[in-house]
Protein backbone atom coordinates (compact mmCIF):
# COMPACT_ATOMS: atom_id res chain seq x y z
CA MET A 1 -36.51 -83.11 -0.39
CA LYS A 2 -34.87 -80.17 1.32
CA ARG A 3 -31.87 -78.90 -0.57
CA ASP A 4 -28.48 -78.48 1.06
CA PRO A 5 -27.77 -74.71 0.89
CA ALA A 6 -24.20 -75.52 -0.16
CA GLU A 7 -25.57 -76.73 -3.49
CA LEU A 8 -26.08 -73.08 -4.39
CA ALA A 9 -22.31 -72.69 -4.66
CA LEU A 10 -22.08 -75.66 -7.01
CA LYS A 11 -24.97 -74.36 -9.09
CA ASP A 12 -23.47 -70.92 -9.52
CA CYS A 13 -19.81 -71.77 -10.07
CA LEU A 14 -18.16 -71.29 -13.45
CA TRP A 15 -16.63 -74.49 -14.86
CA PRO A 16 -14.02 -74.58 -17.65
CA GLN A 17 -15.34 -76.14 -20.84
CA TRP A 18 -12.22 -78.20 -21.46
CA LYS A 19 -11.85 -81.39 -23.46
CA VAL A 20 -9.35 -82.91 -21.07
CA SER A 21 -9.00 -85.92 -18.81
CA PRO A 22 -11.84 -86.29 -16.27
CA ARG A 23 -9.08 -86.32 -13.63
CA VAL A 24 -8.95 -82.53 -13.99
CA ARG A 25 -11.56 -80.65 -11.99
CA GLY A 26 -11.79 -76.91 -11.56
CA PHE A 27 -14.19 -74.03 -11.02
CA VAL A 28 -14.47 -70.40 -10.02
CA THR A 29 -16.94 -69.41 -7.31
CA THR A 30 -19.33 -66.47 -7.55
CA ARG A 31 -20.87 -64.42 -4.74
CA GLU A 32 -23.77 -66.88 -4.29
CA GLY A 33 -24.19 -69.83 -1.97
CA GLY A 34 -22.67 -68.80 1.35
CA VAL A 35 -23.62 -67.29 4.67
CA SER A 36 -22.04 -63.81 4.57
CA GLU A 37 -24.26 -60.79 5.11
CA ALA A 38 -24.18 -57.38 3.42
CA PRO A 39 -22.01 -55.92 2.05
CA PHE A 40 -20.60 -59.41 1.41
CA GLY A 41 -23.97 -60.96 0.62
CA GLY A 42 -25.25 -62.79 -2.43
CA GLY A 43 -26.71 -61.21 -5.50
CA ALA A 44 -29.83 -61.93 -7.53
CA ALA A 45 -30.65 -65.18 -5.73
CA ALA A 46 -30.85 -63.32 -2.40
CA THR A 47 -28.75 -65.95 -0.65
CA GLY A 48 -25.96 -65.34 1.78
CA GLY A 49 -22.69 -64.36 0.15
CA LEU A 50 -19.88 -66.83 -0.52
CA ASN A 51 -17.07 -64.52 0.55
CA LEU A 52 -13.84 -66.52 0.91
CA GLY A 53 -11.47 -63.75 2.01
CA PHE A 54 -10.52 -63.32 5.66
CA SER A 55 -8.91 -59.93 4.97
CA SER A 56 -12.13 -58.45 3.57
CA GLY A 57 -13.58 -57.34 6.92
CA ASP A 58 -16.27 -60.01 6.94
CA ALA A 59 -17.13 -62.04 10.06
CA PRO A 60 -14.43 -64.76 10.40
CA ASP A 61 -16.98 -67.46 11.22
CA ALA A 62 -18.86 -66.68 8.01
CA VAL A 63 -15.69 -66.92 5.94
CA LYS A 64 -14.79 -70.23 7.61
CA GLU A 65 -18.18 -71.68 6.72
CA ASN A 66 -17.94 -70.34 3.17
CA ARG A 67 -14.52 -71.94 2.75
CA ARG A 68 -15.88 -75.21 4.10
CA ARG A 69 -18.63 -75.12 1.51
CA ALA A 70 -16.28 -74.30 -1.34
CA LEU A 71 -13.82 -77.00 -0.34
CA ALA A 72 -16.64 -79.52 0.02
CA LEU A 73 -17.27 -79.15 -3.71
CA THR A 74 -13.77 -80.49 -4.38
CA GLY A 75 -14.07 -83.56 -2.16
CA SER A 76 -10.68 -82.66 -0.69
CA ARG A 77 -9.50 -81.52 2.73
CA ASP A 78 -6.36 -79.81 1.47
CA ALA A 79 -6.36 -76.42 -0.26
CA ALA A 80 -3.31 -74.26 -0.86
CA TRP A 81 -4.67 -70.93 0.42
CA LEU A 82 -2.08 -68.24 -0.34
CA GLU A 83 -1.28 -64.81 1.04
CA GLN A 84 -1.36 -63.07 -2.32
CA ILE A 85 0.98 -60.13 -2.85
CA HIS A 86 0.53 -59.18 -6.54
CA GLY A 87 3.88 -60.76 -7.36
CA THR A 88 5.16 -63.61 -9.53
CA GLU A 89 6.10 -66.32 -7.04
CA VAL A 90 4.82 -69.82 -7.85
CA GLU A 91 4.68 -72.40 -5.04
CA ASP A 92 4.17 -76.14 -4.79
CA ALA A 93 0.62 -76.58 -3.51
CA GLN A 94 1.48 -79.48 -1.21
CA ALA A 95 4.19 -77.39 0.46
CA VAL A 96 1.64 -74.61 1.00
CA VAL A 97 -0.79 -77.08 2.61
CA GLU A 98 1.93 -78.38 4.92
CA ARG A 99 2.85 -74.86 6.02
CA LEU A 100 -0.79 -74.07 6.72
CA ALA A 101 -0.97 -77.15 8.95
CA ARG A 102 1.89 -75.62 10.97
CA GLY A 103 0.13 -72.26 11.13
CA GLU A 104 2.43 -70.68 8.54
CA ARG A 105 1.39 -68.55 5.59
CA THR A 106 2.84 -68.60 2.10
CA ARG A 107 3.29 -65.29 0.28
CA ALA A 108 2.84 -66.07 -3.40
CA ASP A 109 0.40 -65.64 -6.27
CA ALA A 110 0.25 -69.09 -7.84
CA SER A 111 0.51 -72.75 -6.96
CA VAL A 112 0.94 -75.96 -8.95
CA THR A 113 0.69 -79.66 -8.22
CA ASP A 114 0.85 -83.12 -9.75
CA ARG A 115 -0.67 -84.79 -6.67
CA THR A 116 -4.27 -85.94 -6.51
CA GLY A 117 -6.55 -84.33 -3.95
CA VAL A 118 -4.45 -81.18 -3.43
CA VAL A 119 -6.37 -78.07 -4.46
CA CYS A 120 -4.58 -75.11 -6.03
CA VAL A 121 -6.52 -71.96 -5.23
CA VAL A 122 -6.29 -68.21 -5.79
CA MET A 123 -8.72 -65.51 -4.70
CA THR A 124 -9.87 -62.52 -6.74
CA ALA A 125 -12.28 -59.59 -6.81
CA ASP A 126 -11.35 -57.98 -10.18
CA CYS A 127 -7.90 -59.48 -10.81
CA LEU A 128 -7.71 -62.29 -13.33
CA PRO A 129 -7.57 -65.93 -12.15
CA VAL A 130 -5.92 -68.31 -14.63
CA LEU A 131 -6.25 -72.09 -14.32
CA PHE A 132 -3.91 -74.50 -16.12
CA CYS A 133 -3.89 -78.20 -16.93
CA ASP A 134 -2.52 -80.63 -19.51
CA ASP A 135 -4.73 -82.89 -21.62
CA ASP A 136 -4.07 -86.05 -19.63
CA GLY A 137 -4.44 -84.58 -16.15
CA ARG A 138 -0.87 -85.03 -14.99
CA ALA A 139 -0.58 -81.56 -13.42
CA VAL A 140 -2.59 -78.41 -12.71
CA GLY A 141 -2.02 -74.89 -11.49
CA ALA A 142 -3.77 -71.66 -10.51
CA ALA A 143 -2.43 -68.12 -10.90
CA HIS A 144 -3.62 -64.77 -9.54
CA ALA A 145 -2.92 -62.24 -12.31
CA GLY A 146 -3.44 -58.67 -11.29
CA TRP A 147 -1.86 -56.22 -13.70
CA ARG A 148 1.47 -56.21 -11.87
CA GLY A 149 1.71 -59.98 -11.80
CA LEU A 150 0.55 -60.29 -15.39
CA ALA A 151 3.11 -57.76 -16.61
CA GLY A 152 5.75 -59.46 -14.47
CA GLY A 153 5.23 -62.91 -15.99
CA ILE A 154 3.05 -64.82 -13.51
CA VAL A 155 1.13 -66.51 -16.34
CA GLU A 156 4.28 -67.73 -18.09
CA LYS A 157 5.93 -68.86 -14.87
CA THR A 158 2.90 -70.82 -13.71
CA GLY A 159 2.37 -72.40 -17.13
CA GLU A 160 6.00 -73.44 -17.35
CA ARG A 161 5.85 -75.07 -13.91
CA VAL A 162 2.68 -77.00 -14.80
CA ALA A 163 4.21 -78.12 -18.11
CA THR A 164 7.35 -79.33 -16.35
CA LEU A 165 5.34 -81.33 -13.80
CA ALA A 166 3.20 -82.81 -16.56
CA GLY A 167 6.18 -83.64 -18.74
CA VAL A 168 4.72 -81.87 -21.78
CA PRO A 169 5.63 -78.78 -23.82
CA ALA A 170 3.91 -75.64 -22.57
CA SER A 171 2.13 -75.48 -25.93
CA LYS A 172 0.14 -78.55 -24.85
CA LEU A 173 -1.41 -76.80 -21.87
CA ASN A 174 -5.01 -75.65 -21.54
CA ALA A 175 -5.88 -72.38 -19.82
CA PHE A 176 -9.09 -71.01 -18.33
CA LEU A 177 -9.49 -67.26 -17.84
CA GLY A 178 -11.84 -66.73 -14.90
CA PRO A 179 -14.00 -63.66 -14.30
CA ALA A 180 -12.10 -60.38 -14.04
CA ILE A 181 -12.58 -56.67 -14.56
CA GLY A 182 -13.72 -56.15 -18.15
CA PRO A 183 -12.19 -53.90 -20.81
CA GLN A 184 -15.02 -51.40 -20.46
CA ALA A 185 -14.25 -50.90 -16.76
CA PHE A 186 -10.49 -51.36 -16.27
CA GLU A 187 -9.26 -47.77 -16.42
CA VAL A 188 -5.50 -47.43 -15.93
CA GLY A 189 -2.79 -44.84 -16.29
CA GLU A 190 -0.11 -44.56 -18.94
CA ASP A 191 2.35 -46.19 -16.51
CA VAL A 192 0.43 -49.46 -16.75
CA LEU A 193 0.40 -49.36 -20.55
CA GLU A 194 4.13 -48.68 -20.68
CA ALA A 195 4.87 -51.45 -18.16
CA PHE A 196 3.16 -54.00 -20.40
CA VAL A 197 4.78 -52.70 -23.57
CA ALA A 198 8.23 -52.72 -21.99
CA ALA A 199 7.74 -56.31 -20.81
CA ALA A 200 6.34 -57.57 -24.12
CA ARG A 201 8.31 -59.42 -26.75
CA ALA A 202 9.43 -57.08 -29.52
CA ASP A 203 7.11 -58.73 -32.02
CA ARG A 204 4.11 -58.37 -29.68
CA ARG A 205 4.48 -54.74 -28.65
CA ASP A 206 1.99 -53.45 -31.21
CA ALA A 207 -0.56 -56.07 -30.16
CA THR A 208 0.08 -55.17 -26.53
CA ARG A 209 -0.58 -51.48 -27.21
CA ALA A 210 -3.76 -52.48 -29.03
CA ALA A 211 -5.06 -54.00 -25.78
CA PHE A 212 -5.35 -50.44 -24.43
CA ARG A 213 -7.80 -47.86 -25.77
CA PRO A 214 -7.93 -44.21 -24.74
CA ALA A 215 -10.45 -43.28 -22.08
CA GLY A 216 -12.42 -40.53 -23.80
CA GLY A 217 -11.78 -37.05 -22.45
CA THR A 218 -9.26 -38.20 -19.86
CA PRO A 219 -5.62 -37.42 -20.73
CA ALA A 220 -3.15 -40.26 -20.19
CA LYS A 221 -5.90 -42.69 -19.14
CA PHE A 222 -6.75 -45.92 -20.92
CA PHE A 223 -9.13 -48.85 -20.73
CA ALA A 224 -7.09 -52.06 -20.56
CA ASP A 225 -8.26 -55.46 -21.81
CA ILE A 226 -6.76 -57.80 -19.23
CA TYR A 227 -8.12 -60.83 -21.10
CA ALA A 228 -6.35 -59.81 -24.33
CA LEU A 229 -3.14 -59.16 -22.41
CA ALA A 230 -3.34 -62.62 -20.81
CA ARG A 231 -3.95 -64.27 -24.17
CA LEU A 232 -0.82 -62.59 -25.52
CA ARG A 233 1.21 -64.00 -22.64
CA LEU A 234 -0.29 -67.44 -23.18
CA ALA A 235 0.64 -67.14 -26.85
CA ASP A 236 4.22 -66.49 -25.74
CA LEU A 237 4.07 -69.93 -24.11
CA GLY A 238 2.82 -71.39 -27.36
CA VAL A 239 -0.71 -72.01 -26.09
CA GLN A 240 -3.09 -71.87 -29.06
CA ALA A 241 -6.32 -69.89 -28.88
CA ALA A 242 -8.35 -73.11 -29.17
CA ARG A 243 -6.86 -74.23 -25.84
CA ILE A 244 -7.95 -71.08 -23.99
CA ASP A 245 -11.42 -70.95 -22.42
CA GLY A 246 -13.24 -68.19 -20.54
CA GLY A 247 -12.57 -64.49 -20.58
CA ALA A 248 -16.15 -63.38 -21.19
CA HIS A 249 -17.22 -61.77 -17.90
CA CYS A 250 -16.81 -58.44 -16.14
CA THR A 251 -16.72 -58.48 -12.34
CA VAL A 252 -17.46 -54.74 -12.17
CA THR A 253 -20.60 -54.62 -14.30
CA GLU A 254 -22.09 -58.03 -13.38
CA THR A 255 -23.04 -56.77 -9.95
CA SER A 256 -25.37 -59.60 -8.91
CA ARG A 257 -22.90 -62.36 -9.74
CA PHE A 258 -19.40 -61.23 -8.78
CA TYR A 259 -17.54 -59.37 -6.08
CA SER A 260 -15.61 -56.32 -7.30
CA TYR A 261 -13.13 -54.28 -5.31
CA ARG A 262 -13.03 -51.48 -7.85
CA ARG A 263 -16.82 -51.16 -7.81
CA ASP A 264 -17.49 -51.52 -4.08
CA ARG A 265 -14.15 -51.22 -2.24
CA VAL A 266 -15.61 -53.11 0.73
CA THR A 267 -16.30 -56.46 -0.87
CA GLY A 268 -15.79 -60.22 -0.70
CA ARG A 269 -13.42 -62.52 -2.55
CA MET A 270 -14.12 -65.33 -5.01
CA ALA A 271 -11.89 -68.35 -5.50
CA ALA A 272 -10.56 -70.16 -8.55
CA MET A 273 -9.82 -73.78 -7.62
CA ILE A 274 -8.30 -76.65 -9.58
CA TRP A 275 -7.26 -80.16 -8.56
CA LEU A 276 -6.69 -83.72 -9.78
CA ASN A 277 -9.01 -86.59 -8.95
CA ASP A 278 -7.83 -90.20 -8.61
């Protein structure tokens, strides 16, 4: 039997290993399973690339087909595609979908919903995608956490919105940390370190500093662990470590699997998607 090429996207997606209601469905795409050509192409499997970003410079028709394939995996017609701005705004996913139907964009970096069939989605190519849900599948959310958004509280704000919709304490949420730039590749300046320390709770400032290590031989440069920084912010919400999945990949060094802006500059975008089934 001939295989549908779109199955490649399903095969290569990353799925949270959550022990939650089967109503909750979510995944993060990789660069495999689409129709985009170099430099937006696939990796080791030598397929077309699954670039989902219109602003990347890729052929619009290729991105449209890639988005169709990604959305087909959800079984939904409605995805809350955002115009991400590295901020901390959290939107209702259904409102985003309705604006898109009118040809309007929504400038935000996270969306949440308690409606079935509405897909929360954020795109990344080094920044950290964070997916949220409660145990019983009452609400879900997706956040785009670049360093500015993470320092500014996008994780806490998104988690609080999901918890409110679900009617549970934020400590009862589950979080999935999708693929992002790893601690061996995320070189930043002292300004980034100080921004995180200044924004941290007083009792977490030492732990926040510990998420940065000096870049050898480069004054005032550090390697930042964005996963550790996100876990600290989730801890501020009361989310226990046992409820946090993911955080084990590096988009920069895993060249055949992920897009990376820092590595390639001209590159595609992956998507983290989460939704509720009936």
